[in-house]
Protein backbone atom coordinates (compact mmCIF):
# COMPACT_ATOMS: atom_id res chain seq x y z
CA UNK A 1 96.08 77.80 117.49
CA UNK A 2 95.45 81.13 117.35
CA UNK A 3 92.31 81.91 120.04
CA UNK A 4 88.75 82.13 118.58
CA UNK A 5 88.33 85.33 119.76
CA UNK A 6 90.89 86.56 117.38
CA UNK A 7 90.30 84.85 114.84
CA UNK A 8 86.20 86.64 114.79
CA UNK A 9 87.82 89.77 115.28
CA UNK A 10 90.69 89.57 112.39
CA UNK A 11 88.24 88.04 110.24
CA UNK A 12 89.27 87.95 106.16
CA UNK A 13 86.20 90.39 106.03
CA UNK A 14 87.74 92.29 108.42
CA UNK A 15 91.07 92.34 107.18
CA UNK A 16 89.89 93.15 103.40
CA UNK A 17 88.19 96.21 104.79
CA UNK A 18 91.42 97.32 106.49
CA UNK A 19 93.59 96.58 102.72
CA UNK A 20 90.64 98.55 100.84
CA UNK A 21 90.72 101.21 102.93
CA UNK A 22 94.33 101.69 103.45
CA UNK A 23 95.26 100.58 99.85
CA UNK A 24 96.79 97.95 98.01
CA UNK A 25 100.02 96.03 99.24
CA UNK A 26 103.17 97.89 98.05
CA UNK A 27 104.73 96.51 95.25
CA UNK A 28 107.76 94.35 95.30
CA UNK A 29 110.58 96.87 95.28
CA UNK A 30 114.45 95.64 93.73
CA UNK A 31 115.96 93.88 97.34
CA UNK A 32 118.30 96.35 99.34
CA UNK A 33 118.37 93.45 102.13
CA UNK A 34 120.39 90.35 102.21
CA UNK A 35 121.61 87.57 104.02
CA UNK A 36 117.58 87.05 104.93
CA UNK A 37 117.06 84.19 107.37
CA UNK A 38 114.93 82.70 109.56
CA UNK A 39 117.08 83.03 113.16
CA UNK A 40 114.61 81.55 115.43
CA UNK A 41 110.99 80.11 116.30
CA UNK A 42 108.86 80.30 118.79
CA UNK A 43 106.49 78.27 120.55
CA UNK A 44 102.78 79.25 119.77
CA UNK A 45 101.35 76.58 121.99
CA UNK A 46 103.04 78.58 124.55
CA UNK A 47 101.43 81.81 123.58
CA UNK A 48 104.76 83.16 122.43
CA UNK A 49 104.04 85.43 119.80
CA UNK A 50 106.48 88.48 119.11
CA UNK A 51 104.64 91.77 119.65
CA UNK A 52 107.53 94.19 119.92
CA UNK A 53 111.64 94.45 120.52
CA UNK A 54 114.42 95.98 121.23
CA UNK A 55 118.07 95.03 121.32
CA UNK A 56 121.05 95.19 123.79
CA UNK A 57 124.31 96.62 122.98
CA UNK A 58 125.64 92.66 122.32
CA UNK A 59 122.60 92.00 120.04
CA UNK A 60 120.60 89.90 122.47
CA UNK A 61 117.11 90.80 121.72
CA UNK A 62 114.49 91.62 124.51
CA UNK A 63 110.90 90.45 123.16
CA UNK A 64 107.53 91.10 124.63
CA UNK A 65 105.54 87.75 124.03
CA UNK A 66 101.70 89.00 123.82
CA UNK A 67 99.89 86.05 124.35
CA UNK A 68 102.26 84.59 126.93
CA UNK A 69 102.00 87.72 128.95
CA UNK A 70 105.67 87.57 129.20
CA UNK A 71 109.14 89.42 128.24
CA UNK A 72 111.81 87.61 127.18
CA UNK A 73 115.25 87.56 125.78
CA UNK A 74 116.75 85.96 122.79
CA UNK A 75 120.46 85.48 122.96
CA UNK A 76 122.27 85.93 119.71
CA UNK A 77 122.98 82.16 120.01
CA UNK A 78 119.27 81.46 119.81
CA UNK A 79 118.58 80.54 123.38
CA UNK A 80 115.19 81.67 124.82
CA UNK A 81 115.06 83.27 128.21
CA UNK A 82 111.92 84.27 130.37
CA UNK A 83 112.58 87.46 132.21
CA UNK A 84 109.06 88.00 133.64
CA UNK A 85 105.84 86.50 133.77
CA UNK A 86 103.08 89.58 134.45
CA UNK A 87 99.97 88.34 136.70
CA UNK A 88 96.95 87.29 134.50
CA UNK A 89 93.92 89.16 134.87
CA UNK A 90 90.95 87.82 137.12
CA UNK A 91 88.78 87.27 133.91
CA UNK A 92 91.57 85.79 132.07
CA UNK A 93 91.86 88.80 129.44
CA UNK A 94 88.27 88.39 127.55
CA UNK A 95 87.52 92.28 128.24
CA UNK A 96 90.35 93.33 126.68
CA UNK A 97 89.53 95.54 123.84
CA UNK A 98 89.32 94.59 120.34
CA UNK A 99 91.19 91.35 121.17
CA UNK A 100 89.82 89.29 123.98
CA UNK A 101 93.04 88.48 125.37
CA UNK A 102 95.48 90.11 127.67
CA UNK A 103 98.18 91.81 125.43
CA UNK A 104 101.75 92.25 126.30
CA UNK A 105 103.17 95.08 123.86
CA UNK A 106 105.12 97.97 123.36
CA UNK A 107 108.91 97.55 125.00
CA UNK A 108 112.04 100.34 125.17
CA UNK A 109 115.18 99.89 127.30
CA UNK A 110 117.27 102.30 129.15
CA UNK A 111 121.10 102.49 129.58
CA UNK A 112 121.31 100.56 132.64
CA UNK A 113 119.16 97.61 131.28
CA UNK A 114 115.89 98.66 132.82
CA UNK A 115 112.83 97.57 130.22
CA UNK A 116 109.67 99.37 130.26
CA UNK A 117 107.06 97.90 128.54
CA UNK A 118 102.81 97.91 128.45
CA UNK A 119 100.63 95.32 129.43
CA UNK A 120 96.84 95.63 128.58
CA UNK A 121 93.88 93.14 129.94
CA UNK A 122 90.57 95.21 129.92
CA UNK A 123 91.07 95.54 133.84
CA UNK A 124 92.36 98.58 135.95
CA UNK A 125 94.10 96.82 138.44
CA UNK A 126 97.01 96.00 135.53
CA UNK A 127 96.85 97.50 132.11
CA UNK A 128 99.24 100.47 132.34
CA UNK A 129 103.16 100.87 131.71
CA UNK A 130 105.33 98.91 133.69
CA UNK A 131 109.06 98.48 134.41
CA UNK A 132 111.67 95.91 135.05
CA UNK A 133 114.97 96.18 136.49
CA UNK A 134 117.99 93.93 136.14
CA UNK A 135 117.44 90.78 138.30
CA UNK A 136 114.41 92.77 139.54
CA UNK A 137 110.32 91.81 139.67
CA UNK A 138 107.90 93.45 137.01
CA UNK A 139 105.77 96.76 138.68
CA UNK A 140 103.60 98.92 137.36
CA UNK A 141 104.49 102.37 137.24
CA UNK A 142 101.57 104.04 135.62
CA UNK A 143 97.94 103.18 135.01
CA UNK A 144 95.90 103.42 131.53
CA UNK A 145 92.69 103.38 131.01
CA UNK A 146 91.23 99.91 130.99
CA UNK A 147 88.97 100.17 128.20
CA UNK A 148 91.78 101.16 125.85
CA UNK A 149 94.45 98.91 124.46
CA UNK A 150 98.03 100.44 125.02
CA UNK A 151 100.16 99.51 122.27
CA UNK A 152 103.25 101.44 121.09
CA UNK A 153 105.73 102.87 123.57
CA UNK A 154 108.36 105.59 123.05
CA UNK A 155 110.50 107.75 125.08
CA UNK A 156 111.67 110.86 124.77
CA UNK A 157 115.49 111.37 125.10
CA UNK A 158 115.70 114.71 126.14
CA UNK A 159 112.88 114.73 129.08
CA UNK A 160 112.79 110.60 129.79
CA UNK A 161 108.94 111.03 129.47
CA UNK A 162 107.08 108.17 127.89
CA UNK A 163 104.78 108.32 125.28
CA UNK A 164 101.75 105.49 124.68
CA UNK A 165 99.28 105.12 121.69
CA UNK A 166 96.25 103.91 122.41
CA UNK A 167 94.97 101.75 119.41
CA UNK A 168 91.46 101.84 120.50
CA UNK A 169 90.91 104.86 122.20
CA UNK A 170 92.93 106.87 119.57
CA UNK A 171 95.19 108.52 122.03
CA UNK A 172 98.90 109.06 122.68
CA UNK A 173 99.27 109.15 126.09
CA UNK A 174 102.31 110.99 127.89
CA UNK A 175 103.63 109.76 131.34
CA UNK A 176 106.33 111.36 133.51
CA UNK A 177 109.63 110.12 133.82
CA UNK A 178 109.59 107.83 136.43
CA UNK A 179 105.63 107.13 136.21
CA UNK A 180 103.17 108.47 137.48
CA UNK A 181 100.16 109.57 136.22
CA UNK A 182 99.01 109.48 132.27
CA UNK A 183 98.01 112.45 130.50
CA UNK A 184 96.52 112.73 126.95
CA UNK A 185 98.99 114.44 124.31
CA UNK A 186 96.92 114.23 121.64
CA UNK A 187 93.49 112.62 120.62
CA UNK A 188 93.74 113.84 116.97
CA UNK A 189 91.22 112.61 114.45
CA UNK A 190 94.60 111.01 112.37
CA UNK A 191 94.76 108.79 115.42
CA UNK A 192 91.69 107.16 115.13
CA UNK A 193 90.43 103.95 114.63
CA UNK A 194 87.74 103.12 111.50
CA UNK A 195 87.18 99.44 112.86
CA UNK A 196 89.58 97.75 114.47
CA UNK A 197 93.00 99.51 115.48
CA UNK A 198 94.34 102.91 115.13
CA UNK A 199 97.44 104.44 116.38
CA UNK A 200 99.93 101.48 116.24
CA UNK A 201 103.71 101.83 116.38
CA UNK A 202 105.36 104.91 117.63
CA UNK A 203 109.33 106.29 117.50
CA UNK A 204 110.84 109.63 118.51
CA UNK A 205 112.48 110.90 115.36
CA UNK A 206 114.04 114.31 114.86
CA UNK A 207 112.15 116.35 117.61
CA UNK A 208 108.91 114.64 116.68
CA UNK A 209 107.05 111.77 117.61
CA UNK A 210 106.33 109.67 114.46
CA UNK A 211 102.92 107.38 114.38
CA UNK A 212 101.26 104.79 112.48
CA UNK A 213 97.73 103.93 112.11
CA UNK A 214 96.71 100.14 111.52
CA UNK A 215 93.58 100.92 109.76
CA UNK A 216 94.23 103.80 107.88
CA UNK A 217 97.42 102.76 106.50
CA UNK A 218 99.23 105.73 107.16
CA UNK A 219 102.49 106.93 108.71
CA UNK A 220 102.02 110.45 110.50
CA UNK A 221 104.56 112.91 112.29
CA UNK A 222 103.74 115.09 115.15
CA UNK A 223 106.26 117.51 115.89
CA UNK A 224 106.98 118.01 119.99
CA UNK A 225 107.01 122.21 120.76
CA UNK A 226 109.19 123.56 123.36
CA UNK A 227 106.62 123.71 125.50
CA UNK A 228 106.03 119.60 125.40
CA UNK A 229 102.68 120.28 123.40
CA UNK A 230 101.99 118.55 120.05
CA UNK A 231 102.55 120.51 117.01
CA UNK A 232 100.55 120.00 113.36
CA UNK A 233 100.19 116.42 112.38
CA UNK A 234 101.44 115.89 108.97
CA UNK A 235 100.66 112.45 106.87
CA UNK A 236 104.19 111.50 105.10
CA UNK A 237 102.92 108.24 103.82
CA UNK A 238 99.87 106.42 103.05
CA UNK A 239 98.69 103.16 101.51
CA UNK A 240 100.34 101.06 103.92
CA UNK A 241 97.50 98.39 105.01
CA UNK A 242 97.98 96.92 107.81
CA UNK A 243 100.93 98.72 109.00
CA UNK A 244 102.56 97.97 112.81
CA UNK A 245 105.30 99.00 114.21
CA UNK A 246 108.43 100.52 112.25
CA UNK A 247 111.96 101.79 112.50
CA UNK A 248 114.44 104.39 111.06
CA UNK A 249 117.16 102.87 108.94
CA UNK A 250 119.67 106.00 109.76
CA UNK A 251 119.70 109.37 110.76
CA UNK A 252 117.47 110.52 107.47
CA UNK A 253 113.75 109.54 107.32
CA UNK A 254 113.59 105.88 105.67
CA UNK A 255 111.69 103.96 107.50
CA UNK A 256 111.32 99.75 107.41
CA UNK A 257 108.10 98.86 108.42
CA UNK A 258 105.96 96.07 109.45
CA UNK A 259 102.58 95.54 107.53
CA UNK A 260 100.94 92.94 109.64
CA UNK A 261 98.32 91.56 107.39
CA UNK A 262 99.77 91.95 104.08
CA UNK A 263 102.56 89.49 105.61
CA UNK A 264 105.24 92.26 104.34
CA UNK A 265 107.94 94.60 105.39
CA UNK A 266 108.19 97.98 102.98
CA UNK A 267 110.69 100.30 102.91
CA UNK A 268 109.16 104.11 102.79
CA UNK A 269 111.13 106.93 101.55
CA UNK A 270 111.07 110.39 103.12
CA UNK A 271 108.89 111.79 100.08
CA UNK A 272 106.31 108.81 101.23
CA UNK A 273 106.60 106.25 98.45
CA UNK A 274 106.95 102.91 99.12
CA UNK A 275 107.56 99.39 98.24
CA UNK A 276 107.61 95.76 99.90
CA UNK A 277 111.45 94.38 100.20
CA UNK A 278 110.61 90.93 102.55
CA UNK A 279 107.67 88.94 101.86
CA UNK A 280 105.58 85.34 103.10
CA UNK A 281 108.33 84.02 100.66
CA UNK A 282 111.25 85.18 103.17
CA UNK A 283 109.87 83.65 106.25
CA UNK A 284 107.55 86.37 107.66
CA UNK A 285 104.32 85.00 109.29
CA UNK A 286 102.44 88.99 110.08
CA UNK A 287 105.58 90.82 110.97
CA UNK A 288 104.70 92.83 113.99
CA UNK A 289 107.87 95.13 114.58
CA UNK A 290 111.26 96.18 113.48
CA UNK A 291 114.52 97.16 114.74
CA UNK A 292 118.19 97.81 114.00
CA UNK A 293 121.62 96.91 115.37
CA UNK A 294 124.40 98.36 112.71
CA UNK A 295 123.03 97.04 109.45
CA UNK A 296 121.08 94.38 111.14
CA UNK A 297 117.79 94.02 110.66
CA UNK A 298 115.46 92.18 113.34
CA UNK A 299 112.04 91.47 112.28
CA UNK A 300 109.91 89.23 114.60
CA UNK A 301 106.55 87.53 113.11
CA UNK A 302 103.78 87.07 115.27
CA UNK A 303 101.29 84.53 113.14
CA UNK A 304 98.39 85.83 114.55
CA UNK A 305 96.60 85.26 111.29
CA UNK A 306 98.53 82.10 109.94
CA UNK A 307 98.68 80.06 113.22
CA UNK A 308 101.86 78.54 112.03
CA UNK A 309 105.58 79.59 112.99
CA UNK A 310 105.94 82.71 114.94
CA UNK A 311 109.75 83.63 114.48
CA UNK A 312 112.50 85.98 114.18
CA UNK A 313 113.91 86.99 110.80
CA UNK A 314 117.04 88.44 110.35
CA UNK A 315 118.33 90.40 107.36
CA UNK A 316 121.09 93.14 106.44
CA UNK A 317 121.04 96.80 104.88
CA UNK A 318 122.25 97.56 101.99
CA UNK A 319 125.03 100.52 102.14
CA UNK A 320 122.63 102.29 99.87
CA UNK A 321 119.70 102.86 102.26
CA UNK A 322 120.42 104.99 105.09
């Protein structure tokens, strides 16, 4: 079952406050998705609660298991292979801000197969950005503040620099390509939490960083200037209670977003309007992230609140969504 500390943090009262502050759950849309099914079930007792996902060219999914401190692969045939288990903090992770357990979170992959991912433990010796080369062992390449919660991870395709959302400190950190000293790139008020978690999901798209704020239920766009500095923040969508990570459906600005607390996947239009396209009736158990390969959509659910069935749902985009 989910730990007592998480139950306490994510109490019914706290979730109600998040939903009231961010707006109501999106209305159900005419579904632009088809062939929805649960493709894999994960072991809750072993901490296999998928937090983030990135895809390999053959459809293999690289996944962070939040509470197992693991990076794993799920093959198209449904086989799980553990790539790495990160060292446990000396105190077991109880000092991890907001959560009370060590968290393996955002993940990205580069063409040579190297994986980069985040680990939050509440301790200075382990919290930060980690790297796992093919057939290698995990190594930390950049430290991040122990009193923060590194969560979303994105790679600048032009410079190779990494950007990290800190959901507790309300900060986007920038880490040089290859690792090194992290610098605060933005501490704008729009990134701050209002009670639990602030800046969360993170993607590069159209020469800008797009960021979600879990507590405020918003999608933000921050231009990246030629000098690398952040431009003015624009709020692109609101009323998305409990929004976690997300993915763009194509070259445009349409977004599929995981709404963890309401147990919904929402389709967000470029003008900011949005509607639910998947719910618990489709197998969702607290969706955490989204990935696309062609028109196939991968949706991991961590079951943080339901404590029943962490899983991976697959569905397919309609041709009118792009």
